[in-house]
Amino acid sequence: MFSEKANAIFQSVIDKYHVVNTVDQNFENPYDRNAQLIEHLLYRKCWIDTVQWHYEDIIRDPNIDPVAALKLKRQIDASNQDRTDMVEYIDSYFLEKYKEVNVKNDATINTESPAWAVDRLSILALKIYHMNEEATRTDASQEHINACQKKLDVLLEQRIDLSTALDQLLADIAQGRKYMKVYKQMKMYNDDELNPVLRARK
């Protein structure tokens, strides 16, 4: 199943990141882009998400230096763009994979593309990792541990449901029961012509 592969790659990314556990560490993708394209994309996608997760932790420090905060905000903006780009690359992979499928006359479209489900699965892997950390802390109260364990149980169930739904969606696309229709993300705030603040400074 595709989701099994994706979840395993996401776990390997998160484990690898936490060996060094800094946002500025070097990134190396173990999957060759030409030989293992989808694995390459999944690994890169989750790495972006993992670094951004920790960016978001850092910027919430109430004592953060304002100059450092502004720099970090720019990094988060760039990371968000990278994240969106990777989703589109993953959808392009699926579009290419299923381009020869004969779509049935009564085929329907899904509420989200496969890659956006992959995006949610990657974020869910991060939530599970960090909630498990909280549920197994030795310096926390039993009340905290119990509360986090309940949340972890829900997240684990959610991953099963989302994985099942993603695999079913891909099976439906492969059989022509559903079809893909991808819309590019038309973000306006990074565009000199569409963001009125940036346009005014030209």
C-alpha atoms as a PDB file:
ATOM      1  CA  MET A   1       0.000   0.000   0.000  1.00  0.00           C
ATOM      2  CA  PHE A   2       1.202   3.495  -0.796  1.00  0.00           C
ATOM      3  CA  SER A   3       0.394   4.847   2.665  1.00  0.00           C
ATOM      4  CA  GLU A   4       2.564   2.180   4.301  1.00  0.00           C
ATOM      5  CA  LYS A   5       5.527   3.330   2.244  1.00  0.00           C
ATOM      6  CA  ALA A   6       4.793   6.999   2.938  1.00  0.00           C
ATOM      7  CA  ASN A   7       4.395   6.511   6.689  1.00  0.00           C
ATOM      8  CA  ALA A   8       7.654   4.547   6.879  1.00  0.00           C
ATOM      9  CA  ILE A   9       9.534   7.282   5.012  1.00  0.00           C
ATOM     10  CA  PHE A  10       8.005   9.991   7.194  1.00  0.00           C
ATOM     11  CA  GLN A  11       9.094   8.140  10.328  1.00  0.00           C
ATOM     12  CA  SER A  12      12.632   7.763   8.993  1.00  0.00           C
ATOM     13  CA  VAL A  13      12.784  11.495   8.227  1.00  0.00           C
ATOM     14  CA  ILE A  14      11.601  12.500  11.681  1.00  0.00           C
ATOM     15  CA  ASP A  15      13.986  10.080  13.379  1.00  0.00           C
ATOM     16  CA  LYS A  16      16.875  11.342  11.232  1.00  0.00           C
ATOM     17  CA  TYR A  17      16.098  14.988  12.005  1.00  0.00           C
ATOM     18  CA  HIS A  18      16.055  14.384  15.759  1.00  0.00           C
ATOM     19  CA  VAL A  19      19.519  12.829  15.781  1.00  0.00           C
ATOM     20  CA  VAL A  20      20.967  16.347  15.462  1.00  0.00           C
ATOM     21  CA  ASN A  21      17.712  18.154  16.303  1.00  0.00           C
ATOM     22  CA  THR A  22      18.524  21.584  14.912  1.00  0.00           C
ATOM     23  CA  VAL A  23      16.754  23.512  12.157  1.00  0.00           C
ATOM     24  CA  ASP A  24      20.007  24.474  10.422  1.00  0.00           C
ATOM     25  CA  GLN A  25      21.411  20.976   9.983  1.00  0.00           C
ATOM     26  CA  ASN A  26      22.438  19.719   6.552  1.00  0.00           C
ATOM     27  CA  PHE A  27      19.842  17.910   4.458  1.00  0.00           C
ATOM     28  CA  GLU A  28      20.658  14.796   2.469  1.00  0.00           C
ATOM     29  CA  ASN A  29      18.055  12.835   0.560  1.00  0.00           C
ATOM     30  CA  PRO A  30      18.878   9.102   0.539  1.00  0.00           C
ATOM     31  CA  TYR A  31      16.599   8.473  -2.454  1.00  0.00           C
ATOM     32  CA  ASP A  32      17.782   9.113  -5.996  1.00  0.00           C
ATOM     33  CA  ARG A  33      15.425  11.452  -7.837  1.00  0.00           C
ATOM     34  CA  ASN A  34      15.676   9.523 -11.099  1.00  0.00           C
ATOM     35  CA  ALA A  35      15.458   5.967  -9.750  1.00  0.00           C
ATOM     36  CA  GLN A  36      13.108   6.504  -6.797  1.00  0.00           C
ATOM     37  CA  LEU A  37      11.163   9.658  -7.599  1.00  0.00           C
ATOM     38  CA  ILE A  38       8.167   9.280  -5.283  1.00  0.00           C
ATOM     39  CA  GLU A  39      10.374   8.193  -2.371  1.00  0.00           C
ATOM     40  CA  HIS A  40      12.620  11.187  -3.066  1.00  0.00           C
ATOM     41  CA  LEU A  41       9.633  13.549  -3.037  1.00  0.00           C
ATOM     42  CA  LEU A  42       8.100  12.054   0.108  1.00  0.00           C
ATOM     43  CA  TYR A  43      11.393  12.293   1.985  1.00  0.00           C
ATOM     44  CA  ARG A  44      11.923  15.909   0.958  1.00  0.00           C
ATOM     45  CA  LYS A  45       8.310  16.806   1.769  1.00  0.00           C
ATOM     46  CA  CYS A  46       8.493  15.483   5.305  1.00  0.00           C
ATOM     47  CA  TRP A  47      11.891  17.109   5.901  1.00  0.00           C
ATOM     48  CA  ILE A  48      10.414  20.498   5.002  1.00  0.00           C
ATOM     49  CA  ASP A  49       7.488  19.850   7.361  1.00  0.00           C
ATOM     50  CA  THR A  50       9.790  18.717  10.167  1.00  0.00           C
ATOM     51  CA  VAL A  51      12.044  21.764   9.970  1.00  0.00           C
ATOM     52  CA  GLN A  52       9.026  24.052   9.825  1.00  0.00           C
ATOM     53  CA  TRP A  53       7.489  22.341  12.852  1.00  0.00           C
ATOM     54  CA  HIS A  54      10.551  23.397  14.819  1.00  0.00           C
ATOM     55  CA  TYR A  55      10.606  26.871  13.282  1.00  0.00           C
ATOM     56  CA  GLU A  56       7.089  27.293  14.670  1.00  0.00           C
ATOM     57  CA  ASP A  57       8.263  26.211  18.129  1.00  0.00           C
ATOM     58  CA  ILE A  58      11.168  28.665  18.098  1.00  0.00           C
ATOM     59  CA  ILE A  59       9.201  31.697  16.942  1.00  0.00           C
ATOM     60  CA  ARG A  60       6.742  31.283  19.822  1.00  0.00           C
ATOM     61  CA  ASP A  61       9.461  31.990  22.367  1.00  0.00           C
ATOM     62  CA  PRO A  62       8.162  35.155  24.114  1.00  0.00           C
ATOM     63  CA  ASN A  63      11.739  36.295  24.670  1.00  0.00           C
ATOM     64  CA  ILE A  64      12.902  35.902  21.085  1.00  0.00           C
ATOM     65  CA  ASP A  65      14.953  38.773  19.709  1.00  0.00           C
ATOM     66  CA  PRO A  66      12.779  40.848  17.324  1.00  0.00           C
ATOM     67  CA  VAL A  67      15.440  40.816  14.611  1.00  0.00           C
ATOM     68  CA  ALA A  68      15.785  37.045  14.906  1.00  0.00           C
ATOM     69  CA  ALA A  69      12.002  36.708  14.853  1.00  0.00           C
ATOM     70  CA  LEU A  70      11.736  38.657  11.607  1.00  0.00           C
ATOM     71  CA  LYS A  71      14.440  36.521  10.019  1.00  0.00           C
ATOM     72  CA  LEU A  72      12.646  33.393  11.189  1.00  0.00           C
ATOM     73  CA  LYS A  73       9.335  34.673   9.839  1.00  0.00           C
ATOM     74  CA  ARG A  74      10.976  34.982   6.420  1.00  0.00           C
ATOM     75  CA  GLN A  75      12.276  31.423   6.756  1.00  0.00           C
ATOM     76  CA  ILE A  76       8.781  30.186   7.629  1.00  0.00           C
ATOM     77  CA  ASP A  77       7.363  31.979   4.595  1.00  0.00           C
ATOM     78  CA  ALA A  78       9.958  30.336   2.359  1.00  0.00           C
ATOM     79  CA  SER A  79       9.283  26.973   3.966  1.00  0.00           C
ATOM     80  CA  ASN A  80       5.564  27.343   3.314  1.00  0.00           C
ATOM     81  CA  GLN A  81       6.288  27.987  -0.337  1.00  0.00           C
ATOM     82  CA  ASP A  82       8.582  24.940  -0.484  1.00  0.00           C
ATOM     83  CA  ARG A  83       5.861  22.859   1.137  1.00  0.00           C
ATOM     84  CA  THR A  84       3.298  23.944  -1.455  1.00  0.00           C
ATOM     85  CA  ASP A  85       5.751  23.330  -4.290  1.00  0.00           C
ATOM     86  CA  MET A  86       6.426  19.807  -3.036  1.00  0.00           C
ATOM     87  CA  VAL A  87       2.700  19.049  -2.895  1.00  0.00           C
ATOM     88  CA  GLU A  88       2.424  20.092  -6.518  1.00  0.00           C
ATOM     89  CA  TYR A  89       5.430  17.952  -7.486  1.00  0.00           C
ATOM     90  CA  ILE A  90       3.824  14.932  -5.791  1.00  0.00           C
ATOM     91  CA  ASP A  91       0.532  15.545  -7.580  1.00  0.00           C
ATOM     92  CA  SER A  92       2.443  15.804 -10.864  1.00  0.00           C
ATOM     93  CA  TYR A  93       3.881  12.362 -10.126  1.00  0.00           C
ATOM     94  CA  PHE A  94       0.386  10.926  -9.679  1.00  0.00           C
ATOM     95  CA  LEU A  95      -0.928  12.689 -12.771  1.00  0.00           C
ATOM     96  CA  GLU A  96       1.854  11.116 -14.805  1.00  0.00           C
ATOM     97  CA  LYS A  97       1.360   7.697 -13.221  1.00  0.00           C
ATOM     98  CA  TYR A  98      -2.360   7.563 -13.954  1.00  0.00           C
ATOM     99  CA  LYS A  99      -2.448   9.459 -17.252  1.00  0.00           C
ATOM    100  CA  GLU A 100      -3.345   6.339 -19.276  1.00  0.00           C
ATOM    101  CA  VAL A 101      -6.268   5.306 -17.063  1.00  0.00           C
ATOM    102  CA  ASN A 102      -9.635   5.108 -18.813  1.00  0.00           C
ATOM    103  CA  VAL A 103     -11.870   7.265 -16.640  1.00  0.00           C
ATOM    104  CA  LYS A 104     -15.392   5.872 -16.231  1.00  0.00           C
ATOM    105  CA  ASN A 105     -18.330   7.985 -17.370  1.00  0.00           C
ATOM    106  CA  ASP A 106     -19.687   8.164 -13.835  1.00  0.00           C
ATOM    107  CA  ALA A 107     -16.299   8.896 -12.237  1.00  0.00           C
ATOM    108  CA  THR A 108     -16.274  11.546  -9.530  1.00  0.00           C
ATOM    109  CA  ILE A 109     -13.720  14.028  -8.270  1.00  0.00           C
ATOM    110  CA  ASN A 110     -12.342  13.935  -4.735  1.00  0.00           C
ATOM    111  CA  THR A 111     -12.476  16.848  -2.318  1.00  0.00           C
ATOM    112  CA  GLU A 112      -8.661  16.995  -2.273  1.00  0.00           C
ATOM    113  CA  SER A 113      -5.877  15.703  -4.476  1.00  0.00           C
ATOM    114  CA  PRO A 114      -3.746  12.733  -3.362  1.00  0.00           C
ATOM    115  CA  ALA A 115      -0.788  14.987  -2.574  1.00  0.00           C
ATOM    116  CA  TRP A 116      -2.762  17.127  -0.156  1.00  0.00           C
ATOM    117  CA  ALA A 117      -3.738  13.936   1.665  1.00  0.00           C
ATOM    118  CA  VAL A 118      -0.030  13.086   1.710  1.00  0.00           C
ATOM    119  CA  ASP A 119       0.610  16.535   3.186  1.00  0.00           C
ATOM    120  CA  ARG A 120      -1.815  15.836   6.027  1.00  0.00           C
ATOM    121  CA  LEU A 121      -0.256  12.418   6.596  1.00  0.00           C
ATOM    122  CA  SER A 122       3.197  13.982   6.914  1.00  0.00           C
ATOM    123  CA  ILE A 123       1.984  16.528   9.455  1.00  0.00           C
ATOM    124  CA  LEU A 124       0.174  13.769  11.324  1.00  0.00           C
ATOM    125  CA  ALA A 125       3.425  11.823  11.620  1.00  0.00           C
ATOM    126  CA  LEU A 126       4.972  14.848  13.316  1.00  0.00           C
ATOM    127  CA  LYS A 127       2.041  15.233  15.687  1.00  0.00           C
ATOM    128  CA  ILE A 128       2.315  11.563  16.643  1.00  0.00           C
ATOM    129  CA  TYR A 129       6.065  11.779  17.235  1.00  0.00           C
ATOM    130  CA  HIS A 130       5.841  14.816  19.460  1.00  0.00           C
ATOM    131  CA  MET A 131       2.712  13.728  21.304  1.00  0.00           C
ATOM    132  CA  ASN A 132       4.442  10.430  22.059  1.00  0.00           C
ATOM    133  CA  GLU A 133       7.345  12.427  23.490  1.00  0.00           C
ATOM    134  CA  GLU A 134       4.912  14.212  25.783  1.00  0.00           C
ATOM    135  CA  ALA A 135       3.158  10.988  26.777  1.00  0.00           C
ATOM    136  CA  THR A 136       6.442   9.371  27.795  1.00  0.00           C
ATOM    137  CA  ARG A 137       8.089  12.263  29.611  1.00  0.00           C
ATOM    138  CA  THR A 138       9.668  11.334  32.933  1.00  0.00           C
ATOM    139  CA  ASP A 139       9.517  14.884  34.294  1.00  0.00           C
ATOM    140  CA  ALA A 140       5.787  15.455  33.724  1.00  0.00           C
ATOM    141  CA  SER A 141       2.828  14.869  35.996  1.00  0.00           C
ATOM    142  CA  GLN A 142       0.722  11.743  35.632  1.00  0.00           C
ATOM    143  CA  GLU A 143      -2.190  13.960  34.675  1.00  0.00           C
ATOM    144  CA  HIS A 144      -0.170  15.419  31.806  1.00  0.00           C
ATOM    145  CA  ILE A 145       0.974  11.990  30.666  1.00  0.00           C
ATOM    146  CA  ASN A 146      -2.562  10.570  30.761  1.00  0.00           C
ATOM    147  CA  ALA A 147      -3.981  13.515  28.812  1.00  0.00           C
ATOM    148  CA  CYS A 148      -1.274  13.252  26.156  1.00  0.00           C
ATOM    149  CA  GLN A 149      -1.726   9.493  25.868  1.00  0.00           C
ATOM    150  CA  LYS A 150      -5.425  10.006  25.101  1.00  0.00           C
ATOM    151  CA  LYS A 151      -4.524  12.531  22.421  1.00  0.00           C
ATOM    152  CA  LEU A 152      -1.900  10.152  21.037  1.00  0.00           C
ATOM    153  CA  ASP A 153      -4.473   7.367  20.789  1.00  0.00           C
ATOM    154  CA  VAL A 154      -6.727   9.646  18.732  1.00  0.00           C
ATOM    155  CA  LEU A 155      -3.846  10.670  16.452  1.00  0.00           C
ATOM    156  CA  LEU A 156      -2.903   7.036  15.852  1.00  0.00           C
ATOM    157  CA  GLU A 157      -6.502   6.219  14.953  1.00  0.00           C
ATOM    158  CA  GLN A 158      -6.598   9.252  12.686  1.00  0.00           C
ATOM    159  CA  ARG A 159      -3.489   8.013  10.867  1.00  0.00           C
ATOM    160  CA  ILE A 160      -5.135   4.654  10.225  1.00  0.00           C
ATOM    161  CA  ASP A 161      -8.240   6.353   8.841  1.00  0.00           C
ATOM    162  CA  LEU A 162      -6.316   8.830   6.689  1.00  0.00           C
ATOM    163  CA  SER A 163      -3.981   6.122   5.371  1.00  0.00           C
ATOM    164  CA  THR A 164      -6.952   3.940   4.469  1.00  0.00           C
ATOM    165  CA  ALA A 165      -8.719   6.829   2.744  1.00  0.00           C
ATOM    166  CA  LEU A 166      -5.596   7.755   0.753  1.00  0.00           C
ATOM    167  CA  ASP A 167      -5.033   4.183  -0.405  1.00  0.00           C
ATOM    168  CA  GLN A 168      -8.683   3.922  -1.412  1.00  0.00           C
ATOM    169  CA  LEU A 169      -8.478   7.192  -3.339  1.00  0.00           C
ATOM    170  CA  LEU A 170      -5.426   5.994  -5.273  1.00  0.00           C
ATOM    171  CA  ALA A 171      -7.145   2.681  -6.000  1.00  0.00           C
ATOM    172  CA  ASP A 172     -10.219   4.519  -7.258  1.00  0.00           C
ATOM    173  CA  ILE A 173      -8.082   6.726  -9.513  1.00  0.00           C
ATOM    174  CA  ALA A 174      -6.221   3.686 -10.842  1.00  0.00           C
ATOM    175  CA  GLN A 175      -9.535   2.008 -11.694  1.00  0.00           C
ATOM    176  CA  GLY A 176     -11.073   5.116 -13.217  1.00  0.00           C
ATOM    177  CA  ARG A 177     -13.718   5.477 -10.529  1.00  0.00           C
ATOM    178  CA  LYS A 178     -12.307   8.867  -9.563  1.00  0.00           C
ATOM    179  CA  TYR A 179     -10.250  11.343 -11.520  1.00  0.00           C
ATOM    180  CA  MET A 180      -7.643  13.909 -10.594  1.00  0.00           C
ATOM    181  CA  LYS A 181      -8.091  17.584 -11.225  1.00  0.00           C
ATOM    182  CA  VAL A 182      -5.289  19.671  -9.780  1.00  0.00           C
ATOM    183  CA  TYR A 183      -5.407  23.398  -9.164  1.00  0.00           C
ATOM    184  CA  LYS A 184      -2.125  25.226  -8.712  1.00  0.00           C
ATOM    185  CA  GLN A 185      -1.891  27.177  -5.489  1.00  0.00           C
ATOM    186  CA  MET A 186      -2.401  30.806  -6.426  1.00  0.00           C
ATOM    187  CA  LYS A 187      -0.766  32.448  -3.443  1.00  0.00           C
ATOM    188  CA  MET A 188      -0.870  36.194  -3.768  1.00  0.00           C
ATOM    189  CA  TYR A 189       1.263  37.546  -0.945  1.00  0.00           C
ATOM    190  CA  ASN A 190       4.606  36.536  -2.519  1.00  0.00           C
ATOM    191  CA  ASP A 191       3.789  38.084  -5.895  1.00  0.00           C
ATOM    192  CA  ASP A 192       5.016  41.635  -6.601  1.00  0.00           C
ATOM    193  CA  GLU A 193       1.982  42.256  -8.793  1.00  0.00           C
ATOM    194  CA  LEU A 194      -0.694  40.726  -6.553  1.00  0.00           C
ATOM    195  CA  ASN A 195       0.421  41.903  -3.109  1.00  0.00           C
ATOM    196  CA  PRO A 196      -0.476  45.627  -2.886  1.00  0.00           C
ATOM    197  CA  VAL A 197       2.279  46.306  -0.349  1.00  0.00           C
ATOM    198  CA  LEU A 198       4.971  44.835  -2.604  1.00  0.00           C
ATOM    199  CA  ARG A 199       3.474  46.478  -5.668  1.00  0.00           C
ATOM    200  CA  ALA A 200       3.566  49.914  -4.016  1.00  0.00           C
ATOM    201  CA  ARG A 201       7.308  49.583  -3.421  1.00  0.00           C
ATOM    202  CA  LYS A 202       8.193  48.891  -7.045  1.00  0.00           C
END
